[in-house]
C-alpha atoms as a PDB file:
ATOM      1  CA  UNK A   1      98.811 115.611 101.008  1.00  0.00           C
ATOM      2  CA  UNK A   2      97.261 114.206 104.188  1.00  0.00           C
ATOM      3  CA  UNK A   3      99.430 114.904 107.247  1.00  0.00           C
ATOM      4  CA  UNK A   4      98.397 113.087 110.431  1.00  0.00           C
ATOM      5  CA  UNK A   5      99.551 113.901 113.949  1.00  0.00           C
ATOM      6  CA  UNK A   6      99.156 111.723 117.040  1.00  0.00           C
ATOM      7  CA  UNK A   7     100.655 111.018 120.440  1.00  0.00           C
ATOM      8  CA  UNK A   8      99.289 109.037 123.413  1.00  0.00           C
ATOM      9  CA  UNK A   9      96.954 106.331 122.087  1.00  0.00           C
ATOM     10  CA  UNK A  10      98.032 107.118 118.540  1.00  0.00           C
ATOM     11  CA  UNK A  11      99.199 103.709 117.263  1.00  0.00           C
ATOM     12  CA  UNK A  12      95.788 102.156 117.852  1.00  0.00           C
ATOM     13  CA  UNK A  13      93.947 105.206 116.466  1.00  0.00           C
ATOM     14  CA  UNK A  14      96.170 105.238 113.391  1.00  0.00           C
ATOM     15  CA  UNK A  15      95.491 101.554 112.821  1.00  0.00           C
ATOM     16  CA  UNK A  16      91.724 102.115 112.919  1.00  0.00           C
ATOM     17  CA  UNK A  17      92.014 105.110 110.587  1.00  0.00           C
ATOM     18  CA  UNK A  18      94.228 103.492 107.938  1.00  0.00           C
ATOM     19  CA  UNK A  19      92.205 100.271 107.962  1.00  0.00           C
ATOM     20  CA  UNK A  20      89.306 102.310 106.549  1.00  0.00           C
ATOM     21  CA  UNK A  21      91.330 103.969 103.772  1.00  0.00           C
ATOM     22  CA  UNK A  22      91.222 102.433 100.288  1.00  0.00           C
ATOM     23  CA  UNK A  23      94.212 101.414  98.210  1.00  0.00           C
ATOM     24  CA  UNK A  24      95.192 103.906  95.545  1.00  0.00           C
ATOM     25  CA  UNK A  25      94.055 106.965  97.462  1.00  0.00           C
ATOM     26  CA  UNK A  26      95.198 109.893  95.267  1.00  0.00           C
ATOM     27  CA  UNK A  27      97.231 111.592  98.004  1.00  0.00           C
ATOM     28  CA  UNK A  28     100.503 111.037  99.807  1.00  0.00           C
ATOM     29  CA  UNK A  29     100.260 110.506 103.569  1.00  0.00           C
ATOM     30  CA  UNK A  30     102.604 111.550 106.348  1.00  0.00           C
ATOM     31  CA  UNK A  31     102.350 110.524 109.989  1.00  0.00           C
ATOM     32  CA  UNK A  32     104.086 112.088 112.959  1.00  0.00           C
ATOM     33  CA  UNK A  33     103.558 109.953 116.052  1.00  0.00           C
ATOM     34  CA  UNK A  34     105.424 110.772 119.271  1.00  0.00           C
ATOM     35  CA  UNK A  35     107.458 107.591 119.881  1.00  0.00           C
ATOM     36  CA  UNK A  36     110.879 106.590 121.191  1.00  0.00           C
ATOM     37  CA  UNK A  37     113.650 105.369 118.906  1.00  0.00           C
ATOM     38  CA  UNK A  38     113.225 101.864 117.619  1.00  0.00           C
ATOM     39  CA  UNK A  39     109.431 101.988 117.480  1.00  0.00           C
ATOM     40  CA  UNK A  40     108.608 103.964 114.338  1.00  0.00           C
ATOM     41  CA  UNK A  41     109.734 101.358 111.774  1.00  0.00           C
ATOM     42  CA  UNK A  42     107.560  98.696 113.479  1.00  0.00           C
ATOM     43  CA  UNK A  43     104.690 101.217 113.508  1.00  0.00           C
ATOM     44  CA  UNK A  44     105.028 101.688 109.746  1.00  0.00           C
ATOM     45  CA  UNK A  45     104.887  97.904 109.258  1.00  0.00           C
ATOM     46  CA  UNK A  46     101.880  97.676 111.579  1.00  0.00           C
ATOM     47  CA  UNK A  47     100.013 100.325 109.565  1.00  0.00           C
ATOM     48  CA  UNK A  48     100.872  98.586 106.288  1.00  0.00           C
ATOM     49  CA  UNK A  49      99.542  95.313 107.688  1.00  0.00           C
ATOM     50  CA  UNK A  50      96.388  96.965 109.050  1.00  0.00           C
ATOM     51  CA  UNK A  51      95.178  98.458 105.789  1.00  0.00           C
ATOM     52  CA  UNK A  52      95.633  98.678 102.043  1.00  0.00           C
ATOM     53  CA  UNK A  53      98.096 101.580 101.934  1.00  0.00           C
ATOM     54  CA  UNK A  54     101.818 100.801 102.245  1.00  0.00           C
ATOM     55  CA  UNK A  55     103.626 102.754 104.970  1.00  0.00           C
ATOM     56  CA  UNK A  56     107.362 103.154 105.416  1.00  0.00           C
ATOM     57  CA  UNK A  57     109.571 104.824 107.961  1.00  0.00           C
ATOM     58  CA  UNK A  58     110.562 108.176 106.469  1.00  0.00           C
ATOM     59  CA  UNK A  59     114.108 108.667 105.220  1.00  0.00           C
ATOM     60  CA  UNK A  60     116.106 111.558 103.824  1.00  0.00           C
ATOM     61  CA  UNK A  61     115.187 112.333 100.227  1.00  0.00           C
ATOM     62  CA  UNK A  62     112.248 109.913 100.054  1.00  0.00           C
ATOM     63  CA  UNK A  63     109.995 110.805  97.104  1.00  0.00           C
ATOM     64  CA  UNK A  64     106.348 111.455  97.879  1.00  0.00           C
ATOM     65  CA  UNK A  65     103.933 109.175  96.053  1.00  0.00           C
ATOM     66  CA  UNK A  66     100.163 109.044  95.867  1.00  0.00           C
ATOM     67  CA  UNK A  67      98.760 106.119  97.815  1.00  0.00           C
ATOM     68  CA  UNK A  68     101.907 105.712  99.941  1.00  0.00           C
ATOM     69  CA  UNK A  69     102.461 106.749 103.559  1.00  0.00           C
ATOM     70  CA  UNK A  70     105.547 107.633 105.575  1.00  0.00           C
ATOM     71  CA  UNK A  71     105.992 107.682 109.347  1.00  0.00           C
ATOM     72  CA  UNK A  72     108.382 110.233 110.865  1.00  0.00           C
ATOM     73  CA  UNK A  73     111.380 108.383 112.303  1.00  0.00           C
ATOM     74  CA  UNK A  74     111.852 108.793 116.048  1.00  0.00           C
ATOM     75  CA  UNK A  75     114.395 111.463 116.887  1.00  0.00           C
ATOM     76  CA  UNK A  76     113.865 113.437 113.651  1.00  0.00           C
ATOM     77  CA  UNK A  77     111.411 116.102 112.565  1.00  0.00           C
ATOM     78  CA  UNK A  78     109.872 115.118 109.223  1.00  0.00           C
ATOM     79  CA  UNK A  79     109.519 117.918 106.671  1.00  0.00           C
ATOM     80  CA  UNK A  80     108.645 118.268 103.003  1.00  0.00           C
ATOM     81  CA  UNK A  81     111.005 120.337 100.899  1.00  0.00           C
ATOM     82  CA  UNK A  82     110.339 122.552  97.885  1.00  0.00           C
ATOM     83  CA  UNK A  83     111.695 119.611  95.869  1.00  0.00           C
ATOM     84  CA  UNK A  84     108.685 117.517  96.921  1.00  0.00           C
ATOM     85  CA  UNK A  85     110.871 115.088  98.851  1.00  0.00           C
ATOM     86  CA  UNK A  86     111.026 114.235 102.527  1.00  0.00           C
ATOM     87  CA  UNK A  87     113.764 115.715 104.654  1.00  0.00           C
ATOM     88  CA  UNK A  88     114.834 114.842 108.186  1.00  0.00           C
ATOM     89  CA  UNK A  89     115.653 117.634 110.605  1.00  0.00           C
ATOM     90  CA  UNK A  90     117.437 117.095 113.918  1.00  0.00           C
ATOM     91  CA  UNK A  91     116.685 120.618 115.116  1.00  0.00           C
ATOM     92  CA  UNK A  92     115.565 121.345 118.675  1.00  0.00           C
ATOM     93  CA  UNK A  93     112.541 119.523 120.062  1.00  0.00           C
ATOM     94  CA  UNK A  94     109.232 121.366 119.764  1.00  0.00           C
ATOM     95  CA  UNK A  95     106.766 120.851 122.639  1.00  0.00           C
ATOM     96  CA  UNK A  96     109.587 118.761 124.154  1.00  0.00           C
ATOM     97  CA  UNK A  97     109.329 116.213 121.314  1.00  0.00           C
ATOM     98  CA  UNK A  98     111.137 115.325 118.117  1.00  0.00           C
ATOM     99  CA  UNK A  99     109.448 114.521 115.790  1.00  0.00           C
ATOM    100  CA  UNK A 100     106.855 117.230 116.348  1.00  0.00           C
ATOM    101  CA  UNK A 101     103.531 117.447 114.523  1.00  0.00           C
ATOM    102  CA  UNK A 102     103.797 121.240 114.221  1.00  0.00           C
ATOM    103  CA  UNK A 103     107.104 121.028 112.315  1.00  0.00           C
ATOM    104  CA  UNK A 104     105.640 118.554 109.824  1.00  0.00           C
ATOM    105  CA  UNK A 105     102.435 120.546 109.346  1.00  0.00           C
ATOM    106  CA  UNK A 106     104.196 123.870 108.821  1.00  0.00           C
ATOM    107  CA  UNK A 107     106.352 122.367 106.066  1.00  0.00           C
ATOM    108  CA  UNK A 108     103.298 120.737 104.467  1.00  0.00           C
ATOM    109  CA  UNK A 109     101.480 124.097 104.558  1.00  0.00           C
ATOM    110  CA  UNK A 110     104.395 125.763 102.737  1.00  0.00           C
ATOM    111  CA  UNK A 111     104.676 123.061 100.073  1.00  0.00           C
ATOM    112  CA  UNK A 112     101.029 122.118  99.484  1.00  0.00           C
ATOM    113  CA  UNK A 113      98.911 125.091 100.624  1.00  0.00           C
ATOM    114  CA  UNK A 114      95.255 124.454  99.696  1.00  0.00           C
ATOM    115  CA  UNK A 115      96.100 120.861  98.706  1.00  0.00           C
ATOM    116  CA  UNK A 116      96.918 119.952 102.323  1.00  0.00           C
ATOM    117  CA  UNK A 117      94.775 118.265 104.947  1.00  0.00           C
ATOM    118  CA  UNK A 118      95.891 118.086 108.590  1.00  0.00           C
ATOM    119  CA  UNK A 119      94.357 115.320 110.702  1.00  0.00           C
ATOM    120  CA  UNK A 120      94.874 115.547 114.460  1.00  0.00           C
ATOM    121  CA  UNK A 121      94.282 112.389 116.465  1.00  0.00           C
ATOM    122  CA  UNK A 122      94.515 111.415 120.109  1.00  0.00           C
ATOM    123  CA  UNK A 123      97.381 112.792 122.174  1.00  0.00           C
ATOM    124  CA  UNK A 124      98.466 114.785 125.190  1.00  0.00           C
ATOM    125  CA  UNK A 125      99.442 118.434 124.893  1.00  0.00           C
ATOM    126  CA  UNK A 126      98.934 120.952 122.105  1.00  0.00           C
ATOM    127  CA  UNK A 127     101.336 119.747 119.389  1.00  0.00           C
ATOM    128  CA  UNK A 128      99.512 120.283 116.105  1.00  0.00           C
ATOM    129  CA  UNK A 129      97.717 123.535 116.904  1.00  0.00           C
ATOM    130  CA  UNK A 130     100.295 125.878 115.353  1.00  0.00           C
ATOM    131  CA  UNK A 131     100.739 123.583 112.368  1.00  0.00           C
ATOM    132  CA  UNK A 132      96.989 123.275 111.830  1.00  0.00           C
ATOM    133  CA  UNK A 133      96.770 127.054 111.955  1.00  0.00           C
ATOM    134  CA  UNK A 134      99.464 127.248 109.243  1.00  0.00           C
ATOM    135  CA  UNK A 135      97.592 124.713 107.097  1.00  0.00           C
ATOM    136  CA  UNK A 136      94.359 126.685 107.390  1.00  0.00           C
ATOM    137  CA  UNK A 137      96.136 130.000 106.685  1.00  0.00           C
ATOM    138  CA  UNK A 138      97.582 128.449 103.505  1.00  0.00           C
ATOM    139  CA  UNK A 139      94.094 127.461 102.331  1.00  0.00           C
ATOM    140  CA  UNK A 140      94.213 123.835 103.457  1.00  0.00           C
ATOM    141  CA  UNK A 141      91.854 122.050 105.814  1.00  0.00           C
ATOM    142  CA  UNK A 142      92.030 120.454 109.250  1.00  0.00           C
ATOM    143  CA  UNK A 143      90.050 117.509 110.626  1.00  0.00           C
ATOM    144  CA  UNK A 144      90.190 116.198 114.189  1.00  0.00           C
ATOM    145  CA  UNK A 145      89.256 113.072 116.068  1.00  0.00           C
ATOM    146  CA  UNK A 146      86.250 113.672 118.314  1.00  0.00           C
ATOM    147  CA  UNK A 147      87.987 114.411 121.646  1.00  0.00           C
ATOM    148  CA  UNK A 148      85.467 112.326 123.594  1.00  0.00           C
ATOM    149  CA  UNK A 149      86.465 109.285 121.504  1.00  0.00           C
ATOM    150  CA  UNK A 150      90.216 109.823 121.969  1.00  0.00           C
ATOM    151  CA  UNK A 151      92.369 107.923 124.464  1.00  0.00           C
ATOM    152  CA  UNK A 152      93.980 111.306 125.228  1.00  0.00           C
ATOM    153  CA  UNK A 153      91.751 114.229 124.207  1.00  0.00           C
ATOM    154  CA  UNK A 154      94.208 117.122 124.602  1.00  0.00           C
ATOM    155  CA  UNK A 155      95.637 117.342 121.057  1.00  0.00           C
ATOM    156  CA  UNK A 156      92.387 117.074 119.098  1.00  0.00           C
ATOM    157  CA  UNK A 157      90.610 119.131 121.756  1.00  0.00           C
ATOM    158  CA  UNK A 158      93.106 121.955 121.349  1.00  0.00           C
ATOM    159  CA  UNK A 159      92.522 122.298 117.598  1.00  0.00           C
ATOM    160  CA  UNK A 160      88.761 122.101 118.135  1.00  0.00           C
ATOM    161  CA  UNK A 161      88.862 124.837 120.821  1.00  0.00           C
ATOM    162  CA  UNK A 162      90.904 127.057 118.496  1.00  0.00           C
ATOM    163  CA  UNK A 163      88.237 126.688 115.807  1.00  0.00           C
ATOM    164  CA  UNK A 164      90.689 125.072 113.385  1.00  0.00           C
ATOM    165  CA  UNK A 165      88.948 121.734 112.823  1.00  0.00           C
ATOM    166  CA  UNK A 166      86.327 121.791 110.072  1.00  0.00           C
ATOM    167  CA  UNK A 167      85.379 118.169 110.657  1.00  0.00           C
ATOM    168  CA  UNK A 168      85.282 116.581 114.124  1.00  0.00           C
ATOM    169  CA  UNK A 169      84.320 112.911 114.203  1.00  0.00           C
ATOM    170  CA  UNK A 170      85.095 109.462 115.639  1.00  0.00           C
ATOM    171  CA  UNK A 171      87.830 107.565 113.783  1.00  0.00           C
ATOM    172  CA  UNK A 172      85.681 105.550 111.347  1.00  0.00           C
ATOM    173  CA  UNK A 173      83.742 108.640 110.241  1.00  0.00           C
ATOM    174  CA  UNK A 174      86.960 110.642 110.158  1.00  0.00           C
ATOM    175  CA  UNK A 175      88.440 108.115 107.723  1.00  0.00           C
ATOM    176  CA  UNK A 176      85.420 108.551 105.463  1.00  0.00           C
ATOM    177  CA  UNK A 177      85.848 112.316 105.562  1.00  0.00           C
ATOM    178  CA  UNK A 178      89.529 111.964 104.628  1.00  0.00           C
ATOM    179  CA  UNK A 179      88.618 109.756 101.662  1.00  0.00           C
ATOM    180  CA  UNK A 180      85.961 112.189 100.466  1.00  0.00           C
ATOM    181  CA  UNK A 181      88.385 115.113 100.790  1.00  0.00           C
ATOM    182  CA  UNK A 182      91.036 113.189  98.863  1.00  0.00           C
ATOM    183  CA  UNK A 183      88.556 112.426  96.109  1.00  0.00           C
ATOM    184  CA  UNK A 184      87.603 116.099  95.901  1.00  0.00           C
ATOM    185  CA  UNK A 185      84.124 116.025  97.449  1.00  0.00           C
ATOM    186  CA  UNK A 186      82.859 117.849 100.546  1.00  0.00           C
ATOM    187  CA  UNK A 187      83.501 115.780 103.638  1.00  0.00           C
ATOM    188  CA  UNK A 188      79.989 115.862 105.105  1.00  0.00           C
ATOM    189  CA  UNK A 189      80.932 114.063 108.344  1.00  0.00           C
ATOM    190  CA  UNK A 190      81.167 115.228 111.901  1.00  0.00           C
ATOM    191  CA  UNK A 191      80.236 118.754 112.815  1.00  0.00           C
ATOM    192  CA  UNK A 192      81.237 122.061 111.341  1.00  0.00           C
ATOM    193  CA  UNK A 193      81.480 122.859 107.653  1.00  0.00           C
ATOM    194  CA  UNK A 194      82.315 119.403 106.511  1.00  0.00           C
END
């Protein structure tokens, strides 16, 4: 499972990232992007058009599939249940937002443990730090966009400062690291362990 979090500047960053991912990647992908209602379904279509992986707006009970991505619908936290399906949660906002990256990442940590990769892209604030910490504690990994290359460096910068990001790289290199992780090889990009 690759779980990607983004906020300010995220749609463009996501487009660059998914354009570099191959079809048939042997992982499911989830995206939480802070956006108002009415914009997440078009974002899913935009990501599908940008690359070779189909993306859909997440819906209650959606089955996870390798090589398929889902975008959290605006106004709902996106979580993964013990049943391996997506669930929508209208609980309180976290970091003043719903969907929140932390909510998604914590559920992914519980369900996938060491088979989870968190990817934190451009954005304001610190959403993603607690979730990345949960992923790492469960044996998973965390990669981050190089803050200097981000439209808004706060979110990736926060996970880097906390020592949670094992790979820190610009988007194109980050995509390569995600592919190598998904295929079971050391990432070897950016700085840090891999």
